[in-house]
PDB file of N, CA and C in Angstrom:
ATOM      1  N   MET A   1      84.182  95.371 131.602  1.00  0.00           N
ATOM      2  CA  MET A   1      82.787  96.313 129.885  1.00  0.00           C
ATOM      3  C   MET A   1      81.841  95.081 130.407  1.00  0.00           C
ATOM      4  N   THR A   2      80.673  95.784 130.233  1.00  0.00           N
ATOM      5  CA  THR A   2      79.303  95.206 130.548  1.00  0.00           C
ATOM      6  C   THR A   2      79.389  94.642 129.631  1.00  0.00           C
ATOM      7  N   GLU A   3      78.055  93.683 129.291  1.00  0.00           N
ATOM      8  CA  GLU A   3      77.860  92.524 128.182  1.00  0.00           C
ATOM      9  C   GLU A   3      77.135  93.272 127.042  1.00  0.00           C
ATOM     10  N   GLU A   4      76.716  94.576 127.285  1.00  0.00           N
ATOM     11  CA  GLU A   4      75.961  95.661 126.976  1.00  0.00           C
ATOM     12  C   GLU A   4      77.457  95.967 125.333  1.00  0.00           C
ATOM     13  N   ILE A   5      77.946  96.258 126.383  1.00  0.00           N
ATOM     14  CA  ILE A   5      79.249  96.592 125.559  1.00  0.00           C
ATOM     15  C   ILE A   5      79.880  95.720 124.476  1.00  0.00           C
ATOM     16  N   ALA A   6      80.281  95.039 124.897  1.00  0.00           N
ATOM     17  CA  ALA A   6      80.642  93.411 124.324  1.00  0.00           C
ATOM     18  C   ALA A   6      79.856  93.466 123.851  1.00  0.00           C
ATOM     19  N   GLY A   7      78.353  93.455 122.899  1.00  0.00           N
ATOM     20  CA  GLY A   7      78.255  92.801 121.849  1.00  0.00           C
ATOM     21  C   GLY A   7      77.786  94.764 121.276  1.00  0.00           C
ATOM     22  N   LEU A   8      78.714  95.830 121.743  1.00  0.00           N
ATOM     23  CA  LEU A   8      78.608  96.627 120.783  1.00  0.00           C
ATOM     24  C   LEU A   8      79.450  96.692 120.323  1.00  0.00           C
ATOM     25  N   VAL A   9      80.746  96.371 120.530  1.00  0.00           N
ATOM     26  CA  VAL A   9      82.026  96.542 120.143  1.00  0.00           C
ATOM     27  C   VAL A   9      82.008  95.844 118.801  1.00  0.00           C
ATOM     28  N   PRO A  10      81.805  94.814 118.454  1.00  0.00           N
ATOM     29  CA  PRO A  10      82.254  93.775 117.582  1.00  0.00           C
ATOM     30  C   PRO A  10      81.437  94.364 116.325  1.00  0.00           C
ATOM     31  N   LEU A  11      80.001  95.303 116.439  1.00  0.00           N
ATOM     32  CA  LEU A  11      79.320  95.384 115.185  1.00  0.00           C
ATOM     33  C   LEU A  11      79.958  97.033 115.121  1.00  0.00           C
ATOM     34  N   LEU A  12      80.326  97.633 116.305  1.00  0.00           N
ATOM     35  CA  LEU A  12      80.648  98.880 115.826  1.00  0.00           C
ATOM     36  C   LEU A  12      82.335  98.611 114.648  1.00  0.00           C
ATOM     37  N   PHE A  13      83.143  97.700 114.621  1.00  0.00           N
ATOM     38  CA  PHE A  13      84.210  97.451 114.200  1.00  0.00           C
ATOM     39  C   PHE A  13      83.930  97.087 113.163  1.00  0.00           C
ATOM     40  N   ALA A  14      82.879  96.055 113.417  1.00  0.00           N
ATOM     41  CA  ALA A  14      82.477  95.364 112.097  1.00  0.00           C
ATOM     42  C   ALA A  14      81.655  96.557 111.007  1.00  0.00           C
ATOM     43  N   LEU A  15      81.237  97.232 111.414  1.00  0.00           N
ATOM     44  CA  LEU A  15      80.403  98.656 110.396  1.00  0.00           C
ATOM     45  C   LEU A  15      82.056  99.618 110.276  1.00  0.00           C
ATOM     46  N   VAL A  16      83.224 100.157 110.754  1.00  0.00           N
ATOM     47  CA  VAL A  16      83.965  99.781 110.026  1.00  0.00           C
ATOM     48  C   VAL A  16      84.927  99.227 108.475  1.00  0.00           C
ATOM     49  N   LEU A  17      85.065  97.992 109.593  1.00  0.00           N
ATOM     50  CA  LEU A  17      86.339  97.084 108.153  1.00  0.00           C
ATOM     51  C   LEU A  17      84.875  97.113 107.344  1.00  0.00           C
ATOM     52  N   LEU A  18      83.798  96.758 107.128  1.00  0.00           N
ATOM     53  CA  LEU A  18      82.842  96.225 105.859  1.00  0.00           C
ATOM     54  C   LEU A  18      83.977  97.356 104.663  1.00  0.00           C
ATOM     55  N   PRO A  19      83.628  98.334 105.212  1.00  0.00           N
ATOM     56  CA  PRO A  19      83.805  99.121 103.621  1.00  0.00           C
ATOM     57  C   PRO A  19      85.830  99.491 103.873  1.00  0.00           C
ATOM     58  N   ALA A  20      86.035  99.610 104.649  1.00  0.00           N
ATOM     59  CA  ALA A  20      87.810  99.209 104.457  1.00  0.00           C
ATOM     60  C   ALA A  20      88.509  98.498 103.697  1.00  0.00           C
ATOM     61  N   MET A  21      87.025  97.417 103.401  1.00  0.00           N
ATOM     62  CA  MET A  21      87.744  95.843 103.317  1.00  0.00           C
ATOM     63  C   MET A  21      87.328  96.450 101.551  1.00  0.00           C
ATOM     64  N   SER A  22      86.331  96.584 101.827  1.00  0.00           N
ATOM     65  CA  SER A  22      85.719  97.033 100.691  1.00  0.00           C
ATOM     66  C   SER A  22      85.727  97.523  99.302  1.00  0.00           C
ATOM     67  N   ILE A  23      86.166  98.074  99.957  1.00  0.00           N
ATOM     68  CA  ILE A  23      86.055 100.001  98.957  1.00  0.00           C
ATOM     69  C   ILE A  23      87.158  99.696  98.437  1.00  0.00           C
ATOM     70  N   PRO A  24      88.958  99.326  98.710  1.00  0.00           N
ATOM     71  CA  PRO A  24      90.131  99.526  97.928  1.00  0.00           C
ATOM     72  C   PRO A  24      90.165  97.899  96.714  1.00  0.00           C
ATOM     73  N   VAL A  25      89.117  97.183  97.753  1.00  0.00           N
ATOM     74  CA  VAL A  25      89.044  96.295  96.906  1.00  0.00           C
ATOM     75  C   VAL A  25      87.897  96.443  95.058  1.00  0.00           C
ATOM     76  N   VAL A  26      87.155  97.322  95.223  1.00  0.00           N
ATOM     77  CA  VAL A  26      86.701  97.787  94.057  1.00  0.00           C
ATOM     78  C   VAL A  26      87.475  98.279  93.587  1.00  0.00           C
ATOM     79  N   ARG A  27      88.295  99.714  93.910  1.00  0.00           N
ATOM     80  CA  ARG A  27      88.802 100.669  93.360  1.00  0.00           C
ATOM     81  C   ARG A  27      89.912 100.069  92.816  1.00  0.00           C
ATOM     82  N   TRP A  28      90.560  99.105  93.137  1.00  0.00           N
ATOM     83  CA  TRP A  28      91.608  98.107  92.298  1.00  0.00           C
ATOM     84  C   TRP A  28      91.328  97.276  91.627  1.00  0.00           C
ATOM     85  N   ALA A  29      90.314  96.731  91.754  1.00  0.00           N
ATOM     86  CA  ALA A  29      89.901  96.261  90.326  1.00  0.00           C
ATOM     87  C   ALA A  29      89.363  97.223  89.312  1.00  0.00           C
ATOM     88  N   ALA A  30      88.710  98.256  89.587  1.00  0.00           N
ATOM     89  CA  ALA A  30      88.509  99.541  88.544  1.00  0.00           C
ATOM     90  C   ALA A  30      89.497  99.961  87.067  1.00  0.00           C
ATOM     91  N   GLU A  31      90.761 100.035  88.448  1.00  0.00           N
ATOM     92  CA  GLU A  31      92.217 100.825  88.131  1.00  0.00           C
ATOM     93  C   GLU A  31      93.249  99.340  87.869  1.00  0.00           C
ATOM     94  N   ASP A  32      92.397  97.856  87.377  1.00  0.00           N
ATOM     95  CA  ASP A  32      92.862  97.227  86.809  1.00  0.00           C
ATOM     96  C   ASP A  32      94.047  97.134  87.406  1.00  0.00           C
ATOM     97  N   ALA A  33      94.257  97.258  89.108  1.00  0.00           N
ATOM     98  CA  ALA A  33      95.491  96.793  89.649  1.00  0.00           C
ATOM     99  C   ALA A  33      95.157  95.554  89.922  1.00  0.00           C
ATOM    100  N   LEU A  34      93.832  95.121  90.026  1.00  0.00           N
ATOM    101  CA  LEU A  34      93.293  93.976  90.844  1.00  0.00           C
ATOM    102  C   LEU A  34      92.530  93.162  89.858  1.00  0.00           C
ATOM    103  N   GLY A  35      93.398  92.257  88.746  1.00  0.00           N
ATOM    104  CA  GLY A  35      92.860  91.177  87.266  1.00  0.00           C
ATOM    105  C   GLY A  35      91.620  90.037  88.036  1.00  0.00           C
ATOM    106  N   ARG A  36      91.532  90.107  86.913  1.00  0.00           N
ATOM    107  CA  ARG A  36      89.972  89.246  86.765  1.00  0.00           C
ATOM    108  C   ARG A  36      90.331  88.010  87.876  1.00  0.00           C
ATOM    109  N   ASN A  37      89.637  88.010  89.038  1.00  0.00           N
ATOM    110  CA  ASN A  37      90.312  86.480  90.253  1.00  0.00           C
ATOM    111  C   ASN A  37      89.080  85.945  90.806  1.00  0.00           C
ATOM    112  N   GLY A  38      89.751  84.841  90.861  1.00  0.00           N
ATOM    113  CA  GLY A  38      87.626  83.766  91.396  1.00  0.00           C
ATOM    114  C   GLY A  38      87.921  84.413  93.388  1.00  0.00           C
ATOM    115  N   SER A  39      88.413  85.012  93.778  1.00  0.00           N
ATOM    116  CA  SER A  39      88.794  85.429  95.310  1.00  0.00           C
ATOM    117  C   SER A  39      88.236  86.697  95.538  1.00  0.00           C
ATOM    118  N   ALA A  40      88.916  87.569  95.319  1.00  0.00           N
ATOM    119  CA  ALA A  40      88.318  89.479  95.154  1.00  0.00           C
ATOM    120  C   ALA A  40      87.908  89.893  94.020  1.00  0.00           C
ATOM    121  N   GLY A  41      87.114  90.415  94.428  1.00  0.00           N
ATOM    122  CA  GLY A  41      86.119  91.163  93.858  1.00  0.00           C
ATOM    123  C   GLY A  41      84.740  90.871  93.745  1.00  0.00           C
ATOM    124  N   ILE A  42      84.009  91.523  92.688  1.00  0.00           N
ATOM    125  CA  ILE A  42      82.939  91.431  92.131  1.00  0.00           C
ATOM    126  C   ILE A  42      82.640  90.652  91.517  1.00  0.00           C
ATOM    127  N   ARG A  43      82.180  88.983  91.568  1.00  0.00           N
ATOM    128  CA  ARG A  43      82.552  88.108  91.460  1.00  0.00           C
ATOM    129  C   ARG A  43      80.916  87.576  90.834  1.00  0.00           C
ATOM    130  N   THR A  44      80.567  88.084  89.677  1.00  0.00           N
ATOM    131  CA  THR A  44      78.964  87.866  88.904  1.00  0.00           C
ATOM    132  C   THR A  44      79.305  87.138  87.396  1.00  0.00           C
ATOM    133  N   ARG A  45      79.127  86.402  86.753  1.00  0.00           N
ATOM    134  CA  ARG A  45      78.941  85.698  85.879  1.00  0.00           C
ATOM    135  C   ARG A  45      79.313  87.029  84.838  1.00  0.00           C
ATOM    136  N   HIS A  46      78.090  87.601  84.414  1.00  0.00           N
ATOM    137  CA  HIS A  46      78.749  88.725  83.573  1.00  0.00           C
ATOM    138  C   HIS A  46      80.310  90.011  83.777  1.00  0.00           C
ATOM    139  N   THR A  47      80.835  89.815  85.123  1.00  0.00           N
ATOM    140  CA  THR A  47      82.296  90.680  85.682  1.00  0.00           C
ATOM    141  C   THR A  47      83.725  90.127  85.650  1.00  0.00           C
ATOM    142  N   LYS A  48      83.095  88.314  85.236  1.00  0.00           N
ATOM    143  CA  LYS A  48      84.000  87.242  85.390  1.00  0.00           C
ATOM    144  C   LYS A  48      84.402  87.083  83.583  1.00  0.00           C
ATOM    145  N   ALA A  49      83.408  87.711  82.466  1.00  0.00           N
ATOM    146  CA  ALA A  49      83.101  87.315  81.354  1.00  0.00           C
ATOM    147  C   ALA A  49      84.546  87.757  80.366  1.00  0.00           C
ATOM    148  N   SER A  50      85.245  88.610  81.373  1.00  0.00           N
ATOM    149  CA  SER A  50      86.346  89.254  80.553  1.00  0.00           C
ATOM    150  C   SER A  50      86.941  90.343  81.124  1.00  0.00           C
ATOM    151  N   ASP A  51      88.376  90.390  80.742  1.00  0.00           N
ATOM    152  CA  ASP A  51      88.815  91.330  81.875  1.00  0.00           C
ATOM    153  C   ASP A  51      88.098  92.855  81.317  1.00  0.00           C
ATOM    154  N   GLU A  52      88.151  93.392  80.306  1.00  0.00           N
ATOM    155  CA  GLU A  52      87.159  94.911  80.144  1.00  0.00           C
ATOM    156  C   GLU A  52      85.840  94.619  80.766  1.00  0.00           C
ATOM    157  N   ALA A  53      84.425  93.474  80.975  1.00  0.00           N
ATOM    158  CA  ALA A  53      83.950  93.452  82.195  1.00  0.00           C
ATOM    159  C   ALA A  53      83.955  93.395  83.051  1.00  0.00           C
ATOM    160  N   TRP A  54      85.277  92.854  84.386  1.00  0.00           N
ATOM    161  CA  TRP A  54      85.784  92.291  84.818  1.00  0.00           C
ATOM    162  C   TRP A  54      86.352  94.164  85.814  1.00  0.00           C
ATOM    163  N   ALA A  55      87.069  95.114  84.544  1.00  0.00           N
ATOM    164  CA  ALA A  55      87.052  96.465  84.677  1.00  0.00           C
ATOM    165  C   ALA A  55      85.914  97.396  84.967  1.00  0.00           C
ATOM    166  N   ALA A  56      85.063  97.523  83.703  1.00  0.00           N
ATOM    167  CA  ALA A  56      83.853  98.259  83.476  1.00  0.00           C
ATOM    168  C   ALA A  56      82.937  97.918  85.038  1.00  0.00           C
ATOM    169  N   GLY A  57      82.796  96.409  85.595  1.00  0.00           N
ATOM    170  CA  GLY A  57      81.900  96.041  86.385  1.00  0.00           C
ATOM    171  C   GLY A  57      82.431  97.491  87.584  1.00  0.00           C
ATOM    172  N   HIS A  58      83.283  97.023  87.816  1.00  0.00           N
ATOM    173  CA  HIS A  58      83.843  97.552  89.047  1.00  0.00           C
ATOM    174  C   HIS A  58      84.234  98.800  88.905  1.00  0.00           C
ATOM    175  N   ALA A  59      84.504 100.068  88.041  1.00  0.00           N
ATOM    176  CA  ALA A  59      84.229 100.670  87.985  1.00  0.00           C
ATOM    177  C   ALA A  59      82.976 101.591  88.332  1.00  0.00           C
ATOM    178  N   ALA A  60      81.776 100.974  87.258  1.00  0.00           N
ATOM    179  CA  ALA A  60      80.336 101.512  88.048  1.00  0.00           C
ATOM    180  C   ALA A  60      79.721 101.330  89.251  1.00  0.00           C
ATOM    181  N   ALA A  61      80.578 100.115  89.864  1.00  0.00           N
ATOM    182  CA  ALA A  61      80.513  99.773  91.373  1.00  0.00           C
ATOM    183  C   ALA A  61      81.087 101.347  92.133  1.00  0.00           C
ATOM    184  N   LEU A  62      81.838 101.450  92.008  1.00  0.00           N
ATOM    185  CA  LEU A  62      83.047 102.532  92.730  1.00  0.00           C
ATOM    186  C   LEU A  62      82.473 103.171  93.756  1.00  0.00           C
ATOM    187  N   PRO A  63      81.085 104.255  92.731  1.00  0.00           N
ATOM    188  CA  PRO A  63      80.600 104.676  92.896  1.00  0.00           C
ATOM    189  C   PRO A  63      79.511 104.969  94.012  1.00  0.00           C
ATOM    190  N   VAL A  64      78.865 103.267  93.990  1.00  0.00           N
ATOM    191  CA  VAL A  64      77.959 103.127  94.505  1.00  0.00           C
ATOM    192  C   VAL A  64      78.749 102.620  95.775  1.00  0.00           C
ATOM    193  N   VAL A  65      79.644 101.699  96.001  1.00  0.00           N
ATOM    194  CA  VAL A  65      80.449 101.134  97.210  1.00  0.00           C
ATOM    195  C   VAL A  65      80.865 102.271  98.017  1.00  0.00           C
ATOM    196  N   ARG A  66      81.408 103.597  97.542  1.00  0.00           N
ATOM    197  CA  ARG A  66      81.890 104.438  98.298  1.00  0.00           C
ATOM    198  C   ARG A  66      80.356 104.719  98.906  1.00  0.00           C
ATOM    199  N   ARG A  67      79.456 104.567  99.091  1.00  0.00           N
ATOM    200  CA  ARG A  67      78.271 105.082  99.950  1.00  0.00           C
ATOM    201  C   ARG A  67      78.889 104.740 101.147  1.00  0.00           C
ATOM    202  N   MET A  68      80.054 103.863 101.315  1.00  0.00           N
ATOM    203  CA  MET A  68      79.397 102.629 102.657  1.00  0.00           C
ATOM    204  C   MET A  68      80.314 103.734 104.240  1.00  0.00           C
ATOM    205  N   TRP A  69      80.273 104.557 103.681  1.00  0.00           N
ATOM    206  CA  TRP A  69      81.766 105.167 104.248  1.00  0.00           C
ATOM    207  C   TRP A  69      81.042 106.520 105.156  1.00  0.00           C
ATOM    208  N   PRO A  70      79.387 106.898 104.346  1.00  0.00           N
ATOM    209  CA  PRO A  70      78.829 108.188 105.190  1.00  0.00           C
ATOM    210  C   PRO A  70      77.905 106.804 105.914  1.00  0.00           C
ATOM    211  N   VAL A  71      77.697 105.381 105.711  1.00  0.00           N
ATOM    212  CA  VAL A  71      76.698 104.810 106.270  1.00  0.00           C
ATOM    213  C   VAL A  71      77.415 104.356 107.903  1.00  0.00           C
ATOM    214  N   ALA A  72      78.840 103.929 106.962  1.00  0.00           N
ATOM    215  CA  ALA A  72      79.240 103.722 108.629  1.00  0.00           C
ATOM    216  C   ALA A  72      79.438 105.141 109.633  1.00  0.00           C
ATOM    217  N   ALA A  73      79.891 105.835 109.425  1.00  0.00           N
ATOM    218  CA  ALA A  73      80.569 107.237 110.061  1.00  0.00           C
ATOM    219  C   ALA A  73      79.146 107.505 110.745  1.00  0.00           C
ATOM    220  N   VAL A  74      77.036 107.787 110.126  1.00  0.00           N
ATOM    221  CA  VAL A  74      75.807 108.124 110.595  1.00  0.00           C
ATOM    222  C   VAL A  74      75.788 106.629 111.307  1.00  0.00           C
ATOM    223  N   GLY A  75      76.295 105.465 110.747  1.00  0.00           N
ATOM    224  CA  GLY A  75      75.961 104.313 112.322  1.00  0.00           C
ATOM    225  C   GLY A  75      76.691 104.945 113.696  1.00  0.00           C
ATOM    226  N   LEU A  76      77.906 104.560 113.398  1.00  0.00           N
ATOM    227  CA  LEU A  76      78.607 104.178 114.589  1.00  0.00           C
ATOM    228  C   LEU A  76      78.253 105.753 115.295  1.00  0.00           C
ATOM    229  N   SER A  77      78.304 106.881 114.912  1.00  0.00           N
ATOM    230  CA  SER A  77      77.758 107.937 116.019  1.00  0.00           C
ATOM    231  C   SER A  77      76.409 107.756 116.748  1.00  0.00           C
ATOM    232  N   ILE A  78      75.331 106.900 115.740  1.00  0.00           N
ATOM    233  CA  ILE A  78      73.954 107.373 115.809  1.00  0.00           C
ATOM    234  C   ILE A  78      73.684 105.776 117.534  1.00  0.00           C
ATOM    235  N   ALA A  79      74.408 105.279 117.097  1.00  0.00           N
ATOM    236  CA  ALA A  79      75.147 103.847 117.995  1.00  0.00           C
ATOM    237  C   ALA A  79      75.574 104.304 119.086  1.00  0.00           C
ATOM    238  N   LEU A  80      76.842 104.907 119.190  1.00  0.00           N
ATOM    239  CA  LEU A  80      77.287 105.409 120.492  1.00  0.00           C
ATOM    240  C   LEU A  80      76.744 106.465 121.174  1.00  0.00           C
ATOM    241  N   VAL A  81      75.863 107.086 120.398  1.00  0.00           N
ATOM    242  CA  VAL A  81      74.926 108.331 121.043  1.00  0.00           C
ATOM    243  C   VAL A  81      73.792 107.864 121.974  1.00  0.00           C
ATOM    244  N   VAL A  82      73.577 106.879 120.967  1.00  0.00           N
ATOM    245  CA  VAL A  82      72.060 106.418 121.891  1.00  0.00           C
ATOM    246  C   VAL A  82      72.254 105.621 122.436  1.00  0.00           C
ATOM    247  N   GLN A  83      73.592 104.712 122.818  1.00  0.00           N
ATOM    248  CA  GLN A  83      74.281 103.349 123.222  1.00  0.00           C
ATOM    249  C   GLN A  83      74.058 104.501 124.759  1.00  0.00           C
ATOM    250  N   VAL A  84      74.651 105.616 125.209  1.00  0.00           N
ATOM    251  CA  VAL A  84      75.257 106.617 126.293  1.00  0.00           C
ATOM    252  C   VAL A  84      74.194 107.142 126.523  1.00  0.00           C
ATOM    253  N   LEU A  85      73.279 107.669 125.748  1.00  0.00           N
ATOM    254  CA  LEU A  85      71.792 108.000 126.364  1.00  0.00           C
ATOM    255  C   LEU A  85      70.946 106.659 127.354  1.00  0.00           C
ATOM    256  N   GLY A  86      70.783 105.671 125.631  1.00  0.00           N
ATOM    257  CA  GLY A  86      69.617 104.577 126.099  1.00  0.00           C
ATOM    258  C   GLY A  86      70.159 104.436 126.756  1.00  0.00           C
ATOM    259  N   GLY A  87      71.899 103.486 126.847  1.00  0.00           N
ATOM    260  CA  GLY A  87      71.791 101.765 127.668  1.00  0.00           C
ATOM    261  C   GLY A  87      71.025 100.607 127.101  1.00  0.00           C
ATOM    262  N   GLY A  88      71.214  99.662 127.544  1.00  0.00           N
ATOM    263  CA  GLY A  88      71.001  98.625 127.766  1.00  0.00           C
ATOM    264  C   GLY A  88      71.425  98.074 126.203  1.00  0.00           C
ATOM    265  N   TYR A  89      70.762  97.428 125.130  1.00  0.00           N
ATOM    266  CA  TYR A  89      71.084  97.367 123.788  1.00  0.00           C
ATOM    267  C   TYR A  89      70.460  98.070 122.675  1.00  0.00           C
ATOM    268  N   THR A  90      70.465  99.309 123.098  1.00  0.00           N
ATOM    269  CA  THR A  90      70.123 100.105 121.700  1.00  0.00           C
ATOM    270  C   THR A  90      70.749 100.593 121.102  1.00  0.00           C
ATOM    271  N   GLY A  91      72.251 100.918 121.164  1.00  0.00           N
ATOM    272  CA  GLY A  91      73.565 101.293 120.537  1.00  0.00           C
ATOM    273  C   GLY A  91      73.411  99.808 119.638  1.00  0.00           C
ATOM    274  N   THR A  92      73.330  98.506 120.017  1.00  0.00           N
ATOM    275  CA  THR A  92      73.737  97.289 118.985  1.00  0.00           C
ATOM    276  C   THR A  92      72.662  97.124 118.145  1.00  0.00           C
ATOM    277  N   ALA A  93      70.846  97.428 118.587  1.00  0.00           N
ATOM    278  CA  ALA A  93      69.997  97.752 117.670  1.00  0.00           C
ATOM    279  C   ALA A  93      70.373  98.771 116.740  1.00  0.00           C
ATOM    280  N   VAL A  94      70.445  99.697 116.995  1.00  0.00           N
ATOM    281  CA  VAL A  94      71.645 100.775 115.915  1.00  0.00           C
ATOM    282  C   VAL A  94      72.281 100.633 114.863  1.00  0.00           C
ATOM    283  N   ALA A  95      73.226  99.443 115.698  1.00  0.00           N
ATOM    284  CA  ALA A  95      74.340  99.711 114.587  1.00  0.00           C
ATOM    285  C   ALA A  95      74.182  98.364 113.990  1.00  0.00           C
ATOM    286  N   ALA A  96      73.639  97.200 114.430  1.00  0.00           N
ATOM    287  CA  ALA A  96      72.971  96.463 113.219  1.00  0.00           C
ATOM    288  C   ALA A  96      72.324  97.081 112.558  1.00  0.00           C
ATOM    289  N   VAL A  97      71.237  97.909 112.521  1.00  0.00           N
ATOM    290  CA  VAL A  97      70.726  98.051 111.392  1.00  0.00           C
ATOM    291  C   VAL A  97      71.455  99.190 109.957  1.00  0.00           C
ATOM    292  N   ALA A  98      72.942  99.153 111.204  1.00  0.00           N
ATOM    293  CA  ALA A  98      73.600 100.309 110.141  1.00  0.00           C
ATOM    294  C   ALA A  98      74.504  99.132 109.514  1.00  0.00           C
ATOM    295  N   LEU A  99      74.771  98.318 109.714  1.00  0.00           N
ATOM    296  CA  LEU A  99      76.386  96.884 109.108  1.00  0.00           C
ATOM    297  C   LEU A  99      74.161  96.244 108.047  1.00  0.00           C
ATOM    298  N   VAL A 100      73.320  95.891 107.952  1.00  0.00           N
ATOM    299  CA  VAL A 100      72.334  95.712 107.229  1.00  0.00           C
ATOM    300  C   VAL A 100      72.173  96.762 106.226  1.00  0.00           C
ATOM    301  N   CYS A 101      72.451  98.356 106.522  1.00  0.00           N
ATOM    302  CA  CYS A 101      72.462  99.196 105.362  1.00  0.00           C
ATOM    303  C   CYS A 101      73.997  99.236 104.719  1.00  0.00           C
ATOM    304  N   GLU A 102      74.492  98.895 105.420  1.00  0.00           N
ATOM    305  CA  GLU A 102      76.144  99.335 104.414  1.00  0.00           C
ATOM    306  C   GLU A 102      76.218  97.600 103.933  1.00  0.00           C
ATOM    307  N   VAL A 103      75.057  96.247 103.211  1.00  0.00           N
ATOM    308  CA  VAL A 103      75.687  95.353 103.301  1.00  0.00           C
ATOM    309  C   VAL A 103      74.235  95.165 102.190  1.00  0.00           C
ATOM    310  N   VAL A 104      73.513  96.083 102.238  1.00  0.00           N
ATOM    311  CA  VAL A 104      72.120  96.724 101.335  1.00  0.00           C
ATOM    312  C   VAL A 104      73.157  97.356  99.921  1.00  0.00           C
ATOM    313  N   VAL A 105      74.211  98.370 100.674  1.00  0.00           N
ATOM    314  CA  VAL A 105      74.474  98.944  99.221  1.00  0.00           C
ATOM    315  C   VAL A 105      76.154  97.908  99.003  1.00  0.00           C
ATOM    316  N   LEU A 106      76.038  97.334  99.185  1.00  0.00           N
ATOM    317  CA  LEU A 106      77.188  96.110  98.763  1.00  0.00           C
ATOM    318  C   LEU A 106      76.290  95.571  97.962  1.00  0.00           C
ATOM    319  N   LEU A 107      75.257  95.223  98.046  1.00  0.00           N
ATOM    320  CA  LEU A 107      74.112  94.224  96.746  1.00  0.00           C
ATOM    321  C   LEU A 107      74.853  95.241  95.797  1.00  0.00           C
ATOM    322  N   ARG A 108      73.778  96.078  95.931  1.00  0.00           N
ATOM    323  CA  ARG A 108      73.019  97.636  95.030  1.00  0.00           C
ATOM    324  C   ARG A 108      74.796  98.071  93.764  1.00  0.00           C
ATOM    325  N   SER A 109      75.907  97.829  94.749  1.00  0.00           N
ATOM    326  CA  SER A 109      77.542  98.043  94.262  1.00  0.00           C
ATOM    327  C   SER A 109      77.222  96.978  93.153  1.00  0.00           C
ATOM    328  N   ALA A 110      77.278  95.197  93.252  1.00  0.00           N
ATOM    329  CA  ALA A 110      76.612  94.436  92.830  1.00  0.00           C
ATOM    330  C   ALA A 110      75.928  93.900  91.370  1.00  0.00           C
ATOM    331  N   GLY A 111      74.939  95.141  91.571  1.00  0.00           N
ATOM    332  CA  GLY A 111      74.521  95.424  91.158  1.00  0.00           C
ATOM    333  C   GLY A 111      74.730  96.395  89.663  1.00  0.00           C
ATOM    334  N   ALA A 112      74.968  97.188  90.283  1.00  0.00           N
ATOM    335  CA  ALA A 112      75.302  97.917  89.091  1.00  0.00           C
ATOM    336  C   ALA A 112      77.081  97.693  87.981  1.00  0.00           C
ATOM    337  N   ALA A 113      77.669  96.608  89.786  1.00  0.00           N
ATOM    338  CA  ALA A 113      78.363  96.456  88.553  1.00  0.00           C
ATOM    339  C   ALA A 113      78.187  95.415  87.589  1.00  0.00           C
ATOM    340  N   ASN A 114      77.118  94.722  87.995  1.00  0.00           N
ATOM    341  CA  ASN A 114      77.075  92.964  87.039  1.00  0.00           C
ATOM    342  C   ASN A 114      75.792  94.274  85.457  1.00  0.00           C
ATOM    343  N   ARG A 115      75.488  94.930  85.623  1.00  0.00           N
ATOM    344  CA  ARG A 115      75.036  95.589  84.415  1.00  0.00           C
ATOM    345  C   ARG A 115      75.490  95.865  83.593  1.00  0.00           C
ATOM    346  N   ALA A 116      77.059  96.965  83.837  1.00  0.00           N
ATOM    347  CA  ALA A 116      78.094  97.481  83.424  1.00  0.00           C
ATOM    348  C   ALA A 116      79.128  95.998  82.669  1.00  0.00           C
ATOM    349  N   ALA A 117      79.352  95.169  83.333  1.00  0.00           N
ATOM    350  CA  ALA A 117      79.390  94.387  82.785  1.00  0.00           C
ATOM    351  C   ALA A 117      78.848  93.368  81.333  1.00  0.00           C
ATOM    352  N   ARG A 118      77.516  93.503  82.437  1.00  0.00           N
ATOM    353  CA  ARG A 118      76.538  93.084  80.820  1.00  0.00           C
ATOM    354  C   ARG A 118      76.550  93.985  79.593  1.00  0.00           C
ATOM    355  N   ALA A 119      76.378  94.933  80.319  1.00  0.00           N
ATOM    356  CA  ALA A 119      76.467  95.993  78.935  1.00  0.00           C
ATOM    357  C   ALA A 119      78.045  95.885  77.663  1.00  0.00           C
ATOM    358  N   VAL A 120      79.559  95.458  78.556  1.00  0.00           N
ATOM    359  CA  VAL A 120      80.221  95.134  77.872  1.00  0.00           C
ATOM    360  C   VAL A 120      80.215  93.760  77.150  1.00  0.00           C
ATOM    361  N   THR A 121      79.650  92.982  77.763  1.00  0.00           N
ATOM    362  CA  THR A 121      79.982  91.622  76.983  1.00  0.00           C
ATOM    363  C   THR A 121      78.540  91.667  75.975  1.00  0.00           C
ATOM    364  N   ALA A 122      77.463  92.193  75.910  1.00  0.00           N
ATOM    365  CA  ALA A 122      76.170  92.533  74.999  1.00  0.00           C
ATOM    366  C   ALA A 122      77.602  93.410  73.659  1.00  0.00           C
ATOM    367  N   SER A 123      78.288  94.276  73.562  1.00  0.00           N
ATOM    368  CA  SER A 123      78.284  94.832  72.991  1.00  0.00           C
ATOM    369  C   SER A 123      80.345  94.586  72.102  1.00  0.00           C
ATOM    370  N   SER A 124      79.895  93.224  72.049  1.00  0.00           N
ATOM    371  CA  SER A 124      81.635  92.405  72.129  1.00  0.00           C
ATOM    372  C   SER A 124      80.982  91.805  71.035  1.00  0.00           C
TER     373      SER A 124
END
């Protein structure tokens, strides 16, 4: 395995693993299958304020966090095509950019969760 491919494979794995781990956790928390806790889920001051805020926050984050799959699919596809056509570290660069895009989606979902949870705690 060349060093270019050796650098690309872990990034592609992370590109798929991040949504595969994040989306179910957010969905479980939104469905009350994952109660408020200190180890999994979107943990902000407002989402941890109450069980209602926890569920509302995760329900608001779910549509946002589900956008990670298209980002992963497009990023993985483009990274593989670019790697085959361009060689070198081009695929690695594309995969890294896609991974950063996934992190941006996660941060936006946390913002959505926090806003929804804050609305619940403000109305209580």
